[in-house]
């Protein structure tokens, strides 16, 4: 598999596991949700290893039709795509639910200088 195919696969894995984590949370299965979180974090790390090309590919999810996917991608891309990520997070933070809370907390950490998701 070439690097472009690998990157596309990793972006898909990131998005799929974000959705599956949320589905697990809604059915009160935190263990399964944590498994999916580990998987999208793993996909992020692998994308990051490709450098800007991998992060740019992940940034395509900032326009995903699924709010949870857009929001989680934005959480991880704040330093790489600051303006676009902030736009997604601010919009999500206005809404109720897990995505809104996650966006709100991410923005607070960003503003306080304690955000560091891109270094995990």
N, C-alpha and C. Protein backbone atom coordinates (compact mmCIF):
# COMPACT_ATOMS: atom_id res chain seq x y z
N UNK A 1 0.86 -1.18 0.00
CA UNK A 1 0.00 0.00 0.00
C UNK A 1 0.90 1.24 0.00
N UNK A 2 0.62 2.18 -0.89
CA UNK A 2 1.44 3.39 -0.94
C UNK A 2 1.01 4.37 0.16
N UNK A 3 1.78 5.44 0.32
CA UNK A 3 1.50 6.37 1.43
C UNK A 3 0.15 7.05 1.29
N UNK A 4 -0.26 7.39 0.06
CA UNK A 4 -1.57 8.03 -0.11
C UNK A 4 -2.70 7.11 0.33
N UNK A 5 -2.60 5.85 -0.04
CA UNK A 5 -3.62 4.88 0.37
C UNK A 5 -3.60 4.69 1.88
N UNK A 6 -2.41 4.64 2.46
CA UNK A 6 -2.29 4.49 3.91
C UNK A 6 -2.92 5.68 4.63
N UNK A 7 -2.66 6.87 4.12
CA UNK A 7 -3.21 8.07 4.73
C UNK A 7 -4.73 8.07 4.64
N UNK A 8 -5.27 7.75 3.48
CA UNK A 8 -6.73 7.69 3.32
C UNK A 8 -7.34 6.68 4.29
N UNK A 9 -6.70 5.54 4.43
CA UNK A 9 -7.19 4.50 5.34
C UNK A 9 -7.17 5.00 6.77
N UNK A 10 -6.12 5.70 7.16
CA UNK A 10 -6.02 6.22 8.53
C UNK A 10 -7.07 7.30 8.80
N UNK A 11 -7.34 8.16 7.84
CA UNK A 11 -8.38 9.17 8.00
C UNK A 11 -9.73 8.48 8.20
N UNK A 12 -9.98 7.45 7.41
CA UNK A 12 -11.22 6.68 7.55
C UNK A 12 -11.30 6.03 8.93
N UNK A 13 -10.20 5.44 9.38
CA UNK A 13 -10.18 4.81 10.70
C UNK A 13 -10.43 5.82 11.81
N UNK A 14 -9.84 7.00 11.69
CA UNK A 14 -10.07 8.05 12.67
C UNK A 14 -11.57 8.36 12.76
N UNK A 15 -12.16 8.66 11.62
CA UNK A 15 -13.58 9.04 11.59
C UNK A 15 -14.48 7.91 12.08
N UNK A 16 -14.23 6.71 11.63
CA UNK A 16 -15.05 5.55 12.00
C UNK A 16 -15.00 5.32 13.50
N UNK A 17 -13.82 5.44 14.09
CA UNK A 17 -13.70 5.18 15.52
C UNK A 17 -14.27 6.30 16.37
N UNK A 18 -14.28 7.53 15.87
CA UNK A 18 -14.96 8.61 16.58
C UNK A 18 -16.45 8.29 16.66
N UNK A 19 -17.03 7.91 15.54
CA UNK A 19 -18.46 7.57 15.50
C UNK A 19 -18.75 6.39 16.42
N UNK A 20 -17.92 5.37 16.35
CA UNK A 20 -18.15 4.17 17.17
C UNK A 20 -17.98 4.47 18.66
N UNK A 21 -17.06 5.36 19.00
CA UNK A 21 -16.92 5.74 20.40
C UNK A 21 -18.21 6.39 20.90
N UNK A 22 -18.74 7.31 20.12
CA UNK A 22 -19.98 7.98 20.53
C UNK A 22 -21.15 7.00 20.62
N UNK A 23 -21.23 6.09 19.68
CA UNK A 23 -22.28 5.06 19.75
C UNK A 23 -22.15 4.24 21.04
N UNK A 24 -20.93 3.92 21.41
CA UNK A 24 -20.69 3.14 22.63
C UNK A 24 -21.09 3.93 23.87
N UNK A 25 -20.79 5.21 23.87
CA UNK A 25 -21.16 6.05 25.01
C UNK A 25 -22.67 6.10 25.16
N UNK A 26 -23.37 6.24 24.04
CA UNK A 26 -24.83 6.35 24.09
C UNK A 26 -25.51 5.07 24.57
N UNK A 27 -24.84 3.92 24.43
CA UNK A 27 -25.41 2.67 24.94
C UNK A 27 -24.75 2.27 26.26
N UNK A 28 -24.08 3.24 26.89
CA UNK A 28 -23.48 3.06 28.22
C UNK A 28 -22.44 1.94 28.24
N UNK A 29 -21.57 1.92 27.24
CA UNK A 29 -20.49 0.94 27.18
C UNK A 29 -19.15 1.69 27.12
N UNK A 30 -18.72 2.22 28.28
CA UNK A 30 -17.49 3.01 28.28
C UNK A 30 -16.25 2.21 27.91
N UNK A 31 -16.23 0.94 28.22
CA UNK A 31 -15.05 0.15 27.87
C UNK A 31 -14.88 0.08 26.36
N UNK A 32 -15.96 -0.19 25.65
CA UNK A 32 -15.91 -0.22 24.19
C UNK A 32 -15.58 1.18 23.66
N UNK A 33 -16.17 2.20 24.27
CA UNK A 33 -15.88 3.58 23.85
C UNK A 33 -14.40 3.90 23.99
N UNK A 34 -13.79 3.46 25.08
CA UNK A 34 -12.36 3.69 25.28
C UNK A 34 -11.52 2.95 24.26
N UNK A 35 -11.95 1.78 23.86
CA UNK A 35 -11.24 1.04 22.81
C UNK A 35 -11.23 1.84 21.52
N UNK A 36 -12.37 2.41 21.18
CA UNK A 36 -12.45 3.20 19.95
C UNK A 36 -11.63 4.49 20.07
N UNK A 37 -11.61 5.08 21.25
CA UNK A 37 -10.78 6.27 21.46
C UNK A 37 -9.30 5.93 21.24
N UNK A 38 -8.87 4.81 21.77
CA UNK A 38 -7.48 4.39 21.55
C UNK A 38 -7.18 4.21 20.06
N UNK A 39 -8.17 3.72 19.32
CA UNK A 39 -7.97 3.50 17.89
C UNK A 39 -7.87 4.82 17.11
N UNK A 40 -8.71 5.82 17.44
CA UNK A 40 -8.58 7.06 16.68
C UNK A 40 -7.34 7.84 17.11
N UNK A 41 -6.91 7.68 18.35
CA UNK A 41 -5.65 8.29 18.77
C UNK A 41 -4.48 7.63 18.03
N UNK A 42 -4.54 6.32 17.90
CA UNK A 42 -3.52 5.59 17.14
C UNK A 42 -3.49 6.08 15.69
N UNK A 43 -4.66 6.24 15.07
CA UNK A 43 -4.73 6.73 13.69
C UNK A 43 -4.14 8.14 13.61
N UNK A 44 -4.45 8.99 14.59
CA UNK A 44 -3.88 10.34 14.60
C UNK A 44 -2.37 10.30 14.66
N UNK A 45 -1.83 9.48 15.54
CA UNK A 45 -0.36 9.39 15.66
C UNK A 45 0.28 8.94 14.36
N UNK A 46 -0.36 8.00 13.70
CA UNK A 46 0.19 7.52 12.44
C UNK A 46 0.09 8.59 11.35
N UNK A 47 -1.01 9.32 11.34
CA UNK A 47 -1.14 10.42 10.39
C UNK A 47 -0.10 11.51 10.67
N UNK A 48 0.11 11.80 11.92
CA UNK A 48 1.10 12.81 12.31
C UNK A 48 2.49 12.41 11.84
N UNK A 49 2.77 11.12 11.85
CA UNK A 49 4.08 10.63 11.41
C UNK A 49 4.32 10.92 9.93
N UNK A 50 3.26 11.11 9.15
CA UNK A 50 3.41 11.48 7.75
C UNK A 50 3.70 12.97 7.58
N UNK A 51 3.69 13.71 8.68
CA UNK A 51 3.97 15.14 8.63
C UNK A 51 2.77 15.92 8.13
N UNK A 52 3.04 17.09 7.53
CA UNK A 52 1.94 17.94 7.06
C UNK A 52 0.98 17.22 6.11
N UNK A 53 1.48 16.31 5.31
CA UNK A 53 0.62 15.58 4.37
C UNK A 53 -0.45 14.78 5.14
N UNK A 54 -0.06 14.13 6.21
CA UNK A 54 -1.01 13.36 7.01
C UNK A 54 -1.99 14.25 7.74
N UNK A 55 -1.50 15.35 8.29
CA UNK A 55 -2.38 16.27 9.02
C UNK A 55 -3.33 17.00 8.07
N UNK A 56 -2.85 17.33 6.88
CA UNK A 56 -3.74 17.95 5.89
C UNK A 56 -4.87 16.98 5.51
N UNK A 57 -4.53 15.71 5.40
CA UNK A 57 -5.56 14.71 5.08
C UNK A 57 -6.58 14.63 6.21
N UNK A 58 -6.11 14.64 7.46
CA UNK A 58 -7.04 14.63 8.60
C UNK A 58 -7.91 15.89 8.58
N UNK A 59 -7.35 16.99 8.14
CA UNK A 59 -8.10 18.26 8.10
C UNK A 59 -9.29 18.21 7.16
N UNK A 60 -9.31 17.26 6.24
CA UNK A 60 -10.49 17.15 5.38
C UNK A 60 -11.73 16.82 6.21
N UNK A 61 -11.52 16.23 7.39
CA UNK A 61 -12.65 15.90 8.26
C UNK A 61 -13.27 17.13 8.92
N UNK A 62 -12.61 18.26 8.84
CA UNK A 62 -13.20 19.48 9.40
C UNK A 62 -14.47 19.88 8.65
N UNK A 63 -14.66 19.32 7.48
CA UNK A 63 -15.85 19.58 6.68
C UNK A 63 -16.78 18.36 6.62
N UNK A 64 -16.52 17.36 7.45
CA UNK A 64 -17.33 16.15 7.43
C UNK A 64 -18.77 16.48 7.81
N UNK A 65 -19.70 15.74 7.26
CA UNK A 65 -21.12 15.98 7.55
C UNK A 65 -21.49 15.61 8.98
N UNK A 66 -20.67 14.80 9.63
CA UNK A 66 -20.96 14.36 11.01
C UNK A 66 -20.30 15.32 12.00
N UNK A 67 -21.12 15.91 12.84
CA UNK A 67 -20.62 16.89 13.81
C UNK A 67 -19.57 16.29 14.74
N UNK A 68 -19.77 15.06 15.20
CA UNK A 68 -18.81 14.46 16.11
C UNK A 68 -17.45 14.28 15.46
N UNK A 69 -17.43 13.92 14.19
CA UNK A 69 -16.18 13.73 13.46
C UNK A 69 -15.49 15.08 13.25
N UNK A 70 -16.25 16.08 12.83
CA UNK A 70 -15.68 17.43 12.64
C UNK A 70 -15.06 17.94 13.94
N UNK A 71 -15.81 17.78 15.01
CA UNK A 71 -15.37 18.32 16.29
C UNK A 71 -14.11 17.61 16.77
N UNK A 72 -14.08 16.30 16.69
CA UNK A 72 -12.89 15.58 17.17
C UNK A 72 -11.68 15.89 16.31
N UNK A 73 -11.86 15.96 15.00
CA UNK A 73 -10.74 16.33 14.14
C UNK A 73 -10.22 17.72 14.53
N UNK A 74 -11.12 18.64 14.78
CA UNK A 74 -10.73 20.00 15.18
C UNK A 74 -9.95 19.98 16.49
N UNK A 75 -10.36 19.14 17.41
CA UNK A 75 -9.65 19.04 18.69
C UNK A 75 -8.18 18.68 18.50
N UNK A 76 -7.91 17.82 17.53
CA UNK A 76 -6.54 17.36 17.29
C UNK A 76 -5.75 18.28 16.37
N UNK A 77 -6.41 19.15 15.64
CA UNK A 77 -5.75 19.95 14.61
C UNK A 77 -5.57 21.42 14.96
N UNK A 78 -5.76 21.77 16.20
CA UNK A 78 -5.70 23.18 16.57
C UNK A 78 -4.40 23.87 16.19
N UNK A 79 -3.28 23.23 16.39
CA UNK A 79 -2.01 23.87 16.09
C UNK A 79 -1.72 23.85 14.57
N UNK A 80 -2.20 22.83 13.90
CA UNK A 80 -1.90 22.68 12.47
C UNK A 80 -2.84 23.50 11.59
N UNK A 81 -4.10 23.55 11.94
CA UNK A 81 -5.13 24.28 11.16
C UNK A 81 -5.93 25.15 12.12
N UNK A 82 -5.24 26.06 12.77
CA UNK A 82 -5.82 26.82 13.88
C UNK A 82 -7.14 27.50 13.52
N UNK A 83 -7.15 28.30 12.50
CA UNK A 83 -8.35 29.08 12.18
C UNK A 83 -9.55 28.17 11.88
N UNK A 84 -9.35 27.18 11.03
CA UNK A 84 -10.45 26.28 10.66
C UNK A 84 -10.90 25.45 11.85
N UNK A 85 -9.95 24.99 12.65
CA UNK A 85 -10.30 24.19 13.83
C UNK A 85 -11.07 25.02 14.85
N UNK A 86 -10.63 26.24 15.08
CA UNK A 86 -11.35 27.11 16.02
C UNK A 86 -12.77 27.38 15.56
N UNK A 87 -12.94 27.57 14.27
CA UNK A 87 -14.28 27.81 13.73
C UNK A 87 -15.21 26.62 14.02
N UNK A 88 -14.71 25.41 13.78
CA UNK A 88 -15.50 24.20 14.04
C UNK A 88 -15.79 24.09 15.53
N UNK A 89 -14.79 24.29 16.36
CA UNK A 89 -14.97 24.13 17.81
C UNK A 89 -15.93 25.17 18.38
N UNK A 90 -15.82 26.40 17.94
CA UNK A 90 -16.73 27.44 18.45
C UNK A 90 -18.17 27.13 18.09
N UNK A 91 -18.39 26.67 16.89
CA UNK A 91 -19.75 26.31 16.48
C UNK A 91 -20.26 25.12 17.30
N UNK A 92 -19.43 24.11 17.48
CA UNK A 92 -19.83 22.93 18.25
C UNK A 92 -20.08 23.27 19.72
N UNK A 93 -19.26 24.17 20.26
CA UNK A 93 -19.38 24.54 21.67
C UNK A 93 -20.70 25.22 21.99
N UNK A 94 -21.37 25.75 20.98
CA UNK A 94 -22.66 26.41 21.19
C UNK A 94 -23.79 25.40 21.35
N UNK A 95 -23.53 24.16 21.01
CA UNK A 95 -24.58 23.14 21.04
C UNK A 95 -24.48 22.28 22.30
N UNK A 96 -25.59 21.66 22.63
CA UNK A 96 -25.64 20.76 23.79
C UNK A 96 -25.10 19.39 23.38
N UNK A 97 -24.81 18.59 24.38
CA UNK A 97 -24.36 17.23 24.11
C UNK A 97 -22.86 17.07 24.31
N UNK A 98 -22.40 15.84 24.07
CA UNK A 98 -20.99 15.52 24.27
C UNK A 98 -20.07 16.31 23.36
N UNK A 99 -20.47 16.48 22.12
CA UNK A 99 -19.62 17.22 21.19
C UNK A 99 -19.46 18.67 21.65
N UNK A 100 -20.55 19.26 22.08
CA UNK A 100 -20.50 20.64 22.55
C UNK A 100 -19.63 20.78 23.78
N UNK A 101 -19.77 19.86 24.71
CA UNK A 101 -18.95 19.90 25.93
C UNK A 101 -17.48 19.69 25.59
N UNK A 102 -17.19 18.73 24.74
CA UNK A 102 -15.81 18.48 24.35
C UNK A 102 -15.20 19.69 23.66
N UNK A 103 -15.96 20.32 22.78
CA UNK A 103 -15.47 21.51 22.09
C UNK A 103 -15.23 22.65 23.07
N UNK A 104 -16.16 22.84 23.99
CA UNK A 104 -16.03 23.90 25.00
C UNK A 104 -14.76 23.69 25.84
N UNK A 105 -14.55 22.46 26.30
CA UNK A 105 -13.38 22.17 27.13
C UNK A 105 -12.08 22.31 26.34
N UNK A 106 -12.10 21.90 25.10
CA UNK A 106 -10.91 22.06 24.25
C UNK A 106 -10.58 23.53 24.06
N UNK A 107 -11.60 24.33 23.80
CA UNK A 107 -11.37 25.77 23.64
C UNK A 107 -10.79 26.39 24.92
N UNK A 108 -11.30 25.98 26.06
CA UNK A 108 -10.79 26.51 27.34
C UNK A 108 -9.32 26.15 27.52
N UNK A 109 -8.96 24.91 27.19
CA UNK A 109 -7.56 24.49 27.30
C UNK A 109 -6.68 25.25 26.30
N UNK A 110 -7.20 25.47 25.10
CA UNK A 110 -6.45 26.22 24.09
C UNK A 110 -6.18 27.64 24.59
N UNK A 111 -7.24 28.28 25.11
CA UNK A 111 -7.11 29.66 25.59
C UNK A 111 -6.18 29.78 26.79
N UNK A 112 -6.15 28.74 27.63
CA UNK A 112 -5.29 28.79 28.82
C UNK A 112 -3.86 28.34 28.54
N UNK A 113 -3.62 27.84 27.33
CA UNK A 113 -2.28 27.39 26.98
C UNK A 113 -1.95 25.98 27.44
N UNK A 114 -2.98 25.22 27.86
CA UNK A 114 -2.72 23.87 28.35
C UNK A 114 -3.11 22.78 27.34
N UNK A 115 -3.61 23.18 26.18
CA UNK A 115 -3.99 22.20 25.15
C UNK A 115 -2.74 21.56 24.60
N UNK A 116 -2.77 20.22 24.43
CA UNK A 116 -1.59 19.53 23.89
C UNK A 116 -1.95 18.22 23.19
N UNK A 117 -3.12 18.12 22.61
CA UNK A 117 -3.52 16.87 21.97
C UNK A 117 -2.60 16.45 20.83
N UNK A 118 -1.96 17.40 20.19
CA UNK A 118 -1.09 17.03 19.08
C UNK A 118 0.23 16.42 19.53
N UNK A 119 0.45 16.37 20.83
CA UNK A 119 1.70 15.78 21.32
C UNK A 119 1.49 14.43 21.98
N UNK A 120 0.27 13.89 21.92
CA UNK A 120 0.04 12.60 22.57
C UNK A 120 0.61 11.46 21.75
